[in-house]
PDB file of all heavy atoms in Angstrom:
ATOM      1  N   GLY A   1      72.350 133.573  69.829  1.00  0.00           N
ATOM      2  CA  GLY A   1      72.317 133.735  68.378  1.00  0.00           C
ATOM      3  C   GLY A   1      73.044 134.957  67.906  1.00  0.00           C
ATOM      4  O   GLY A   1      73.967 135.471  68.561  1.00  0.00           O
ATOM      5  N   SER A   2      72.636 135.483  66.767  1.00  0.00           N
ATOM      6  CA  SER A   2      73.369 136.567  66.118  1.00  0.00           C
ATOM      7  C   SER A   2      73.168 137.925  66.760  1.00  0.00           C
ATOM      8  O   SER A   2      73.928 138.853  66.522  1.00  0.00           O
ATOM      9  CB  SER A   2      72.948 136.645  64.636  1.00  0.00           C
ATOM     10  OG  SER A   2      71.551 136.887  64.523  1.00  0.00           O
ATOM     11  N   ARG A   3      72.124 138.065  67.602  1.00  0.00           N
ATOM     12  CA  ARG A   3      71.824 139.373  68.174  1.00  0.00           C
ATOM     13  C   ARG A   3      72.303 139.518  69.612  1.00  0.00           C
ATOM     14  O   ARG A   3      72.981 140.481  69.955  1.00  0.00           O
ATOM     15  CB  ARG A   3      70.317 139.625  68.092  1.00  0.00           C
ATOM     16  CG  ARG A   3      69.955 141.054  68.478  1.00  0.00           C
ATOM     17  CD  ARG A   3      68.471 141.318  68.285  1.00  0.00           C
ATOM     18  NE  ARG A   3      68.156 142.717  68.564  1.00  0.00           N
ATOM     19  CZ  ARG A   3      66.919 143.206  68.619  1.00  0.00           C
ATOM     20  NH1 ARG A   3      65.885 142.411  68.387  1.00  0.00           N
ATOM     21  NH2 ARG A   3      66.714 144.480  68.876  1.00  0.00           N
ATOM     22  N   TRP A   4      71.935 138.607  70.473  1.00  0.00           N
ATOM     23  CA  TRP A   4      72.312 138.661  71.882  1.00  0.00           C
ATOM     24  C   TRP A   4      73.046 137.384  72.268  1.00  0.00           C
ATOM     25  O   TRP A   4      72.574 136.283  72.025  1.00  0.00           O
ATOM     26  CB  TRP A   4      71.087 138.802  72.779  1.00  0.00           C
ATOM     27  CG  TRP A   4      70.402 140.144  72.709  1.00  0.00           C
ATOM     28  CD1 TRP A   4      70.945 141.371  72.960  1.00  0.00           C
ATOM     29  CD2 TRP A   4      69.053 140.387  72.348  1.00  0.00           C
ATOM     30  NE1 TRP A   4      70.005 142.364  72.789  1.00  0.00           N
ATOM     31  CE2 TRP A   4      68.828 141.781  72.408  1.00  0.00           C
ATOM     32  CE3 TRP A   4      67.979 139.565  71.986  1.00  0.00           C
ATOM     33  CZ2 TRP A   4      67.610 142.371  72.120  1.00  0.00           C
ATOM     34  CZ3 TRP A   4      66.766 140.146  71.689  1.00  0.00           C
ATOM     35  CH2 TRP A   4      66.597 141.526  71.756  1.00  0.00           C
ATOM     36  N   VAL A   5      74.179 137.520  72.919  1.00  0.00           N
ATOM     37  CA  VAL A   5      75.018 136.414  73.392  1.00  0.00           C
ATOM     38  C   VAL A   5      75.375 135.490  72.232  1.00  0.00           C
ATOM     39  O   VAL A   5      74.919 134.348  72.120  1.00  0.00           O
ATOM     40  CB  VAL A   5      74.350 135.619  74.530  1.00  0.00           C
ATOM     41  CG1 VAL A   5      75.375 134.727  75.220  1.00  0.00           C
ATOM     42  CG2 VAL A   5      73.696 136.541  75.550  1.00  0.00           C
ATOM     43  N   ARG A   6      76.205 136.051  71.362  1.00  0.00           N
ATOM     44  CA  ARG A   6      76.685 135.279  70.215  1.00  0.00           C
ATOM     45  C   ARG A   6      77.550 134.111  70.693  1.00  0.00           C
ATOM     46  O   ARG A   6      78.132 134.144  71.772  1.00  0.00           O
ATOM     47  CB  ARG A   6      77.489 136.209  69.292  1.00  0.00           C
ATOM     48  CG  ARG A   6      76.626 137.233  68.574  1.00  0.00           C
ATOM     49  CD  ARG A   6      77.404 138.427  68.078  1.00  0.00           C
ATOM     50  NE  ARG A   6      77.772 139.312  69.192  1.00  0.00           N
ATOM     51  CZ  ARG A   6      78.395 140.477  69.025  1.00  0.00           C
ATOM     52  NH1 ARG A   6      78.763 140.861  67.808  1.00  0.00           N
ATOM     53  NH2 ARG A   6      78.678 141.240  70.066  1.00  0.00           N
ATOM     54  N   GLY A   7      77.624 133.073  69.887  1.00  0.00           N
ATOM     55  CA  GLY A   7      78.349 131.859  70.281  1.00  0.00           C
ATOM     56  C   GLY A   7      77.438 130.706  70.603  1.00  0.00           C
ATOM     57  O   GLY A   7      77.879 129.574  70.803  1.00  0.00           O
ATOM     58  N   TYR A   8      76.125 130.984  70.643  1.00  0.00           N
ATOM     59  CA  TYR A   8      75.106 129.952  70.875  1.00  0.00           C
ATOM     60  C   TYR A   8      74.114 129.938  69.727  1.00  0.00           C
ATOM     61  O   TYR A   8      73.945 130.931  69.003  1.00  0.00           O
ATOM     62  CB  TYR A   8      74.372 130.214  72.192  1.00  0.00           C
ATOM     63  CG  TYR A   8      75.244 130.099  73.411  1.00  0.00           C
ATOM     64  CD1 TYR A   8      75.864 131.224  73.945  1.00  0.00           C
ATOM     65  CD2 TYR A   8      75.460 128.875  74.017  1.00  0.00           C
ATOM     66  CE1 TYR A   8      76.692 131.122  75.069  1.00  0.00           C
ATOM     67  CE2 TYR A   8      76.263 128.766  75.144  1.00  0.00           C
ATOM     68  CZ  TYR A   8      76.874 129.885  75.649  1.00  0.00           C
ATOM     69  OH  TYR A   8      77.691 129.790  76.745  1.00  0.00           O
ATOM     70  N   GLU A   9      73.429 128.825  69.569  1.00  0.00           N
ATOM     71  CA  GLU A   9      72.393 128.728  68.545  1.00  0.00           C
ATOM     72  C   GLU A   9      71.301 129.777  68.812  1.00  0.00           C
ATOM     73  O   GLU A   9      71.080 130.194  69.941  1.00  0.00           O
ATOM     74  CB  GLU A   9      71.764 127.332  68.533  1.00  0.00           C
ATOM     75  CG  GLU A   9      72.646 126.271  67.919  1.00  0.00           C
ATOM     76  CD  GLU A   9      72.811 126.416  66.410  1.00  0.00           C
ATOM     77  OE1 GLU A   9      72.084 127.218  65.802  1.00  0.00           O
ATOM     78  OE2 GLU A   9      73.683 125.720  65.856  1.00  0.00           O
ATOM     79  N   GLU A  10      70.617 130.137  67.749  1.00  0.00           N
ATOM     80  CA  GLU A  10      69.606 131.186  67.852  1.00  0.00           C
ATOM     81  C   GLU A  10      68.554 130.821  68.890  1.00  0.00           C
ATOM     82  O   GLU A  10      67.982 129.720  68.863  1.00  0.00           O
ATOM     83  CB  GLU A  10      68.935 131.363  66.477  1.00  0.00           C
ATOM     84  CG  GLU A  10      68.327 132.716  66.255  1.00  0.00           C
ATOM     85  CD  GLU A  10      69.377 133.798  66.042  1.00  0.00           C
ATOM     86  OE1 GLU A  10      70.479 133.505  65.536  1.00  0.00           O
ATOM     87  OE2 GLU A  10      69.081 134.953  66.414  1.00  0.00           O
ATOM     88  N   ASN A  11      68.307 131.743  69.839  1.00  0.00           N
ATOM     89  CA  ASN A  11      67.256 131.609  70.854  1.00  0.00           C
ATOM     90  C   ASN A  11      67.410 130.363  71.725  1.00  0.00           C
ATOM     91  O   ASN A  11      66.441 129.840  72.265  1.00  0.00           O
ATOM     92  CB  ASN A  11      65.867 131.573  70.187  1.00  0.00           C
ATOM     93  CG  ASN A  11      65.599 132.806  69.369  1.00  0.00           C
ATOM     94  OD1 ASN A  11      66.138 133.887  69.631  1.00  0.00           O
ATOM     95  ND2 ASN A  11      64.768 132.666  68.340  1.00  0.00           N
ATOM     96  N   ASN A  12      68.651 129.903  71.926  1.00  0.00           N
ATOM     97  CA  ASN A  12      68.859 128.618  72.605  1.00  0.00           C
ATOM     98  C   ASN A  12      68.894 128.705  74.120  1.00  0.00           C
ATOM     99  O   ASN A  12      68.602 127.722  74.810  1.00  0.00           O
ATOM    100  CB  ASN A  12      70.167 127.986  72.097  1.00  0.00           C
ATOM    101  CG  ASN A  12      70.536 126.719  72.829  1.00  0.00           C
ATOM    102  OD1 ASN A  12      71.536 126.654  73.540  1.00  0.00           O
ATOM    103  ND2 ASN A  12      69.720 125.691  72.693  1.00  0.00           N
ATOM    104  N   LEU A  13      69.244 129.836  74.676  1.00  0.00           N
ATOM    105  CA  LEU A  13      69.455 129.925  76.124  1.00  0.00           C
ATOM    106  C   LEU A  13      68.126 130.093  76.871  1.00  0.00           C
ATOM    107  O   LEU A  13      67.104 130.433  76.307  1.00  0.00           O
ATOM    108  CB  LEU A  13      70.392 131.079  76.444  1.00  0.00           C
ATOM    109  CG  LEU A  13      71.785 130.988  75.833  1.00  0.00           C
ATOM    110  CD1 LEU A  13      72.622 132.200  76.220  1.00  0.00           C
ATOM    111  CD2 LEU A  13      72.476 129.697  76.254  1.00  0.00           C
ATOM    112  N   GLY A  14      68.191 129.834  78.183  1.00  0.00           N
ATOM    113  CA  GLY A  14      67.031 130.067  79.023  1.00  0.00           C
ATOM    114  C   GLY A  14      66.154 128.852  79.243  1.00  0.00           C
ATOM    115  O   GLY A  14      66.558 127.705  78.995  1.00  0.00           O
ATOM    116  N   PRO A  15      64.926 129.074  79.726  1.00  0.00           N
ATOM    117  CA  PRO A  15      64.025 127.977  80.088  1.00  0.00           C
ATOM    118  C   PRO A  15      63.706 127.052  78.918  1.00  0.00           C
ATOM    119  O   PRO A  15      63.681 127.465  77.756  1.00  0.00           O
ATOM    120  CB  PRO A  15      62.763 128.714  80.553  1.00  0.00           C
ATOM    121  CG  PRO A  15      63.230 130.068  80.948  1.00  0.00           C
ATOM    122  CD  PRO A  15      64.347 130.386  80.028  1.00  0.00           C
ATOM    123  N   LYS A  16      63.451 125.796  79.248  1.00  0.00           N
ATOM    124  CA  LYS A  16      63.058 124.788  78.275  1.00  0.00           C
ATOM    125  C   LYS A  16      61.647 124.300  78.587  1.00  0.00           C
ATOM    126  O   LYS A  16      61.240 124.247  79.749  1.00  0.00           O
ATOM    127  CB  LYS A  16      64.040 123.614  78.292  1.00  0.00           C
ATOM    128  CG  LYS A  16      65.498 123.999  78.036  1.00  0.00           C
ATOM    129  CD  LYS A  16      65.687 124.549  76.640  1.00  0.00           C
ATOM    130  CE  LYS A  16      67.180 124.758  76.305  1.00  0.00           C
ATOM    131  NZ  LYS A  16      67.742 125.951  76.959  1.00  0.00           N
ATOM    132  N   ASP A  17      60.914 123.910  77.550  1.00  0.00           N
ATOM    133  CA  ASP A  17      59.558 123.397  77.766  1.00  0.00           C
ATOM    134  C   ASP A  17      59.605 121.883  78.037  1.00  0.00           C
ATOM    135  O   ASP A  17      60.681 121.301  78.205  1.00  0.00           O
ATOM    136  CB  ASP A  17      58.649 123.742  76.584  1.00  0.00           C
ATOM    137  CG  ASP A  17      59.100 123.100  75.271  1.00  0.00           C
ATOM    138  OD1 ASP A  17      59.814 122.061  75.310  1.00  0.00           O
ATOM    139  OD2 ASP A  17      58.741 123.612  74.202  1.00  0.00           O
ATOM    140  N   SER A  18      58.443 121.265  78.075  1.00  0.00           N
ATOM    141  CA  SER A  18      58.361 119.844  78.427  1.00  0.00           C
ATOM    142  C   SER A  18      58.995 118.926  77.390  1.00  0.00           C
ATOM    143  O   SER A  18      59.265 117.764  77.680  1.00  0.00           O
ATOM    144  CB  SER A  18      56.899 119.446  78.606  1.00  0.00           C
ATOM    145  OG  SER A  18      56.150 119.707  77.425  1.00  0.00           O
ATOM    146  N   THR A  19      59.261 119.444  76.165  1.00  0.00           N
ATOM    147  CA  THR A  19      59.918 118.645  75.145  1.00  0.00           C
ATOM    148  C   THR A  19      61.414 118.902  75.094  1.00  0.00           C
ATOM    149  O   THR A  19      62.122 118.297  74.303  1.00  0.00           O
ATOM    150  CB  THR A  19      59.315 118.951  73.750  1.00  0.00           C
ATOM    151  OG1 THR A  19      59.671 120.293  73.369  1.00  0.00           O
ATOM    152  CG2 THR A  19      57.814 118.799  73.754  1.00  0.00           C
ATOM    153  N   GLY A  20      61.889 119.815  75.947  1.00  0.00           N
ATOM    154  CA  GLY A  20      63.302 120.134  75.959  1.00  0.00           C
ATOM    155  C   GLY A  20      63.690 121.255  75.021  1.00  0.00           C
ATOM    156  O   GLY A  20      64.878 121.594  74.914  1.00  0.00           O
ATOM    157  N   ARG A  21      62.716 121.829  74.323  1.00  0.00           N
ATOM    158  CA  ARG A  21      63.018 122.944  73.414  1.00  0.00           C
ATOM    159  C   ARG A  21      62.997 124.270  74.163  1.00  0.00           C
ATOM    160  O   ARG A  21      62.348 124.403  75.200  1.00  0.00           O
ATOM    161  CB  ARG A  21      62.012 122.982  72.254  1.00  0.00           C
ATOM    162  CG  ARG A  21      62.090 121.769  71.324  1.00  0.00           C
ATOM    163  CD  ARG A  21      61.203 121.970  70.112  1.00  0.00           C
ATOM    164  NE  ARG A  21      59.804 121.953  70.466  1.00  0.00           N
ATOM    165  CZ  ARG A  21      58.958 120.975  70.181  1.00  0.00           C
ATOM    166  NH1 ARG A  21      59.404 119.892  69.578  1.00  0.00           N
ATOM    167  NH2 ARG A  21      57.672 121.069  70.516  1.00  0.00           N
ATOM    168  N   SER A  22      63.680 125.250  73.590  1.00  0.00           N
ATOM    169  CA  SER A  22      63.729 126.574  74.208  1.00  0.00           C
ATOM    170  C   SER A  22      62.329 127.175  74.270  1.00  0.00           C
ATOM    171  O   SER A  22      61.560 127.103  73.301  1.00  0.00           O
ATOM    172  CB  SER A  22      64.650 127.490  73.407  1.00  0.00           C
ATOM    173  OG  SER A  22      65.982 127.036  73.447  1.00  0.00           O
ATOM    174  N   PHE A  23      62.023 127.755  75.423  1.00  0.00           N
ATOM    175  CA  PHE A  23      60.688 128.305  75.650  1.00  0.00           C
ATOM    176  C   PHE A  23      60.711 129.817  75.902  1.00  0.00           C
ATOM    177  O   PHE A  23      59.671 130.453  75.945  1.00  0.00           O
ATOM    178  CB  PHE A  23      60.060 127.615  76.871  1.00  0.00           C
ATOM    179  CG  PHE A  23      58.568 127.784  76.975  1.00  0.00           C
ATOM    180  CD1 PHE A  23      57.729 127.269  76.010  1.00  0.00           C
ATOM    181  CD2 PHE A  23      58.019 128.479  78.045  1.00  0.00           C
ATOM    182  CE1 PHE A  23      56.341 127.426  76.107  1.00  0.00           C
ATOM    183  CE2 PHE A  23      56.646 128.649  78.155  1.00  0.00           C
ATOM    184  CZ  PHE A  23      55.805 128.110  77.184  1.00  0.00           C
ATOM    185  N   GLY A  24      61.912 130.384  76.040  1.00  0.00           N
ATOM    186  CA  GLY A  24      62.003 131.814  76.323  1.00  0.00           C
ATOM    187  C   GLY A  24      61.548 132.127  77.736  1.00  0.00           C
ATOM    188  O   GLY A  24      61.304 131.230  78.550  1.00  0.00           O
ATOM    189  N   GLY A  25      61.416 133.397  78.036  1.00  0.00           N
ATOM    190  CA  GLY A  25      60.997 133.792  79.366  1.00  0.00           C
ATOM    191  C   GLY A  25      60.465 135.216  79.379  1.00  0.00           C
ATOM    192  O   GLY A  25      60.517 135.925  78.381  1.00  0.00           O
ATOM    193  N   ASN A  26      60.002 135.630  80.526  1.00  0.00           N
ATOM    194  CA  ASN A  26      59.394 136.955  80.647  1.00  0.00           C
ATOM    195  C   ASN A  26      60.365 138.026  81.118  1.00  0.00           C
ATOM    196  O   ASN A  26      59.995 139.183  81.288  1.00  0.00           O
ATOM    197  CB  ASN A  26      58.184 136.912  81.593  1.00  0.00           C
ATOM    198  CG  ASN A  26      58.595 136.704  83.036  1.00  0.00           C
ATOM    199  OD1 ASN A  26      59.325 135.763  83.343  1.00  0.00           O
ATOM    200  ND2 ASN A  26      58.149 137.587  83.923  1.00  0.00           N
ATOM    201  N   ALA A  27      61.632 137.646  81.333  1.00  0.00           N
ATOM    202  CA  ALA A  27      62.636 138.621  81.737  1.00  0.00           C
ATOM    203  C   ALA A  27      63.955 138.289  81.043  1.00  0.00           C
ATOM    204  O   ALA A  27      64.304 137.126  80.878  1.00  0.00           O
ATOM    205  CB  ALA A  27      62.832 138.589  83.259  1.00  0.00           C
ATOM    206  N   MET A  28      64.647 139.327  80.625  1.00  0.00           N
ATOM    207  CA  MET A  28      65.937 139.112  79.976  1.00  0.00           C
ATOM    208  C   MET A  28      66.905 140.225  80.357  1.00  0.00           C
ATOM    209  O   MET A  28      66.517 141.349  80.677  1.00  0.00           O
ATOM    210  CB  MET A  28      65.808 139.064  78.457  1.00  0.00           C
ATOM    211  CG  MET A  28      65.473 140.385  77.793  1.00  0.00           C
ATOM    212  SD  MET A  28      65.810 140.420  76.024  1.00  0.00           S
ATOM    213  CE  MET A  28      67.603 140.512  76.034  1.00  0.00           C
ATOM    214  N   VAL A  29      68.196 139.873  80.326  1.00  0.00           N
ATOM    215  CA  VAL A  29      69.260 140.837  80.499  1.00  0.00           C
ATOM    216  C   VAL A  29      70.358 140.478  79.505  1.00  0.00           C
ATOM    217  O   VAL A  29      70.695 139.306  79.343  1.00  0.00           O
ATOM    218  CB  VAL A  29      69.790 140.839  81.943  1.00  0.00           C
ATOM    219  CG1 VAL A  29      70.260 139.449  82.364  1.00  0.00           C
ATOM    220  CG2 VAL A  29      70.914 141.851  82.097  1.00  0.00           C
TER     221      VAL A  29
END
C-alpha cells in the first residue's frame, strides 16, 4: 500500500486466512 512496498493494494502482501483474505503476520521487514 501507500506506506510499505508501494505498488500493491493496501495490506495485501503476506499470509492469507481461510477465506483468502490478507491476515497479516507477527513479523515484518
